[in-house]
Protein backbone atom coordinates (compact mmCIF):
# COMPACT_ATOMS: atom_id res chain seq x y z
CA ASP A 1 79.55 -99.75 -219.68
CA HIS A 2 76.33 -101.87 -218.93
CA ILE A 3 77.54 -103.06 -215.57
CA ILE A 4 77.82 -99.45 -214.40
CA GLY A 5 75.10 -97.95 -216.69
CA ARG A 6 77.32 -95.37 -217.93
CA ARG A 7 79.61 -94.99 -220.96
CA LYS A 8 83.23 -95.11 -219.73
CA SER A 9 84.46 -92.74 -222.59
CA ASP A 10 82.30 -89.83 -221.55
CA ASN A 11 80.23 -90.87 -218.44
CA VAL A 12 76.82 -90.28 -220.16
CA GLU A 13 74.27 -92.58 -218.75
CA LEU A 14 72.96 -95.23 -220.99
CA ASP A 15 69.20 -95.35 -222.08
CA ASP A 16 69.39 -99.10 -222.43
CA ALA A 17 71.23 -100.03 -219.44
CA PRO A 18 69.87 -103.14 -217.97
CA ALA A 19 67.98 -103.19 -214.64
CA SER A 20 71.15 -104.71 -212.89
CA ALA A 21 73.13 -101.36 -213.84
CA HIS A 22 74.46 -99.84 -210.76
CA VAL A 23 73.23 -96.23 -211.64
CA LYS A 24 69.73 -97.87 -211.88
CA ARG A 25 70.11 -99.84 -208.61
CA THR A 26 71.10 -96.42 -206.72
CA ALA A 27 69.38 -93.73 -208.28
CA GLN A 28 68.52 -91.80 -205.39
CA GLU A 29 65.34 -90.07 -206.74
CA ASP A 30 63.84 -93.61 -207.36
CA PHE A 31 63.39 -94.22 -203.65
CA SER A 32 60.53 -92.97 -201.67
CA PRO A 33 61.49 -90.94 -199.66
CA GLU A 34 64.47 -89.94 -201.90
CA ALA A 35 67.62 -91.79 -200.64
CA PHE A 36 70.05 -88.73 -200.98
CA VAL A 37 73.62 -89.03 -199.92
CA VAL A 38 76.96 -87.65 -201.33
CA ARG A 39 78.96 -90.29 -202.60
CA ARG A 40 82.74 -90.23 -203.39
CA SER A 41 85.17 -93.24 -204.01
CA MET A 42 88.96 -93.33 -203.79
CA PRO A 43 91.07 -96.18 -205.19
CA TRP A 44 93.79 -97.59 -202.86
CA ALA A 45 96.84 -100.03 -203.06
CA SER A 46 99.15 -101.44 -200.55
CA ASP A 47 101.53 -104.43 -200.26
CA ASP A 48 98.41 -106.42 -199.02
CA GLY A 49 96.31 -105.58 -202.15
CA GLU A 50 94.35 -102.77 -203.84
CA GLY A 51 90.62 -101.97 -204.08
CA LEU A 52 88.15 -98.86 -203.99
CA MET A 53 87.24 -97.08 -200.70
CA PHE A 54 83.78 -95.70 -200.94
CA VAL A 55 82.62 -92.74 -198.54
CA SER A 56 79.24 -91.60 -198.49
CA PHE A 57 77.63 -88.66 -196.44
CA GLY A 58 73.86 -88.52 -195.30
CA CYS A 59 71.80 -86.87 -192.62
CA ALA A 60 70.30 -90.50 -191.69
CA LEU A 61 70.95 -93.92 -192.15
CA ASP A 62 67.74 -94.74 -193.87
CA ALA A 63 69.00 -93.58 -197.41
CA PHE A 64 72.29 -95.88 -196.95
CA GLU A 65 70.18 -98.99 -195.99
CA ALA A 66 67.95 -98.26 -198.82
CA GLN A 67 70.41 -98.33 -201.34
CA LEU A 68 72.29 -101.22 -200.05
CA ASN A 69 69.30 -103.16 -199.87
CA ARG A 70 68.52 -102.46 -203.48
CA MET A 71 71.94 -103.23 -204.57
CA CYS A 72 71.70 -106.52 -202.81
CA GLY A 73 68.28 -107.22 -204.68
CA ASP A 74 66.23 -107.55 -201.34
CA ASP A 75 63.23 -105.65 -203.03
CA ASP A 76 62.95 -107.28 -206.28
CA GLY A 77 65.87 -110.03 -206.73
CA ILE A 78 67.92 -108.01 -209.16
CA VAL A 79 71.55 -107.74 -207.70
CA ASP A 80 73.44 -104.70 -208.90
CA GLY A 81 75.90 -105.59 -211.56
CA LEU A 82 79.02 -104.36 -209.58
CA PHE A 83 78.74 -107.63 -207.49
CA ARG A 84 79.63 -109.67 -210.53
CA PHE A 85 83.25 -108.56 -210.25
CA THR A 86 83.52 -106.71 -206.89
CA ARG A 87 83.57 -107.90 -203.17
CA PRO A 88 82.77 -105.76 -200.12
CA ILE A 89 85.30 -106.52 -197.39
CA THR A 90 84.21 -104.15 -194.62
CA GLY A 91 82.01 -101.46 -193.83
CA ALA A 92 81.13 -98.82 -191.02
CA HIS A 93 78.85 -96.02 -189.98
CA PHE A 94 80.04 -93.01 -188.32
CA PHE A 95 77.89 -90.28 -186.65
CA CYS A 96 79.00 -86.78 -186.62
CA PRO A 97 76.72 -84.79 -184.45
CA ALA A 98 75.56 -81.11 -185.31
CA VAL A 99 77.67 -78.50 -183.68
CA ASP A 100 76.58 -74.83 -183.05
CA ASP A 101 79.05 -72.36 -182.07
CA GLY A 102 81.45 -74.93 -180.84
CA ARG A 103 78.94 -76.93 -178.88
CA LEU A 104 77.09 -79.95 -179.20
CA ALA A 105 73.48 -78.94 -180.74
CA ILE A 106 71.13 -81.01 -178.74
CA GLU A 107 67.80 -79.30 -180.45
CA THR A 108 69.24 -80.65 -183.78
CA LEU A 109 69.57 -84.37 -182.06
CA ARG A 110 66.13 -84.12 -180.76
CA SER A 111 64.81 -83.23 -184.24
CA VAL A 112 66.28 -86.16 -186.22
CA THR A 113 65.50 -88.65 -183.39
CA ALA A 114 61.80 -87.61 -183.38
CA ASP A 115 61.54 -88.38 -187.03
């Protein structure tokens, strides 16, 4: 429970979770600006092993980078508790451009890259 920062039995966030708890390391509203992403995970298994595939969606890479840096302890030396028993194997970024009426929305791309 303390590694994640939530009770397994009812998913309630713990008030006394340690600073290394995953929910404290990745609390989107704690970043400036907020590091908002939509996150989902899916367990997988094959003849070669098993694990958890993690997928997240956001409008820019900044939020992902901020959360991953905090999980690794780059800002304060506190490493996410998940790394006590998990090991990231690979990662990737994919860009999905905006589409308007079936065509690439160039104006949307210009406003994102201008920021």
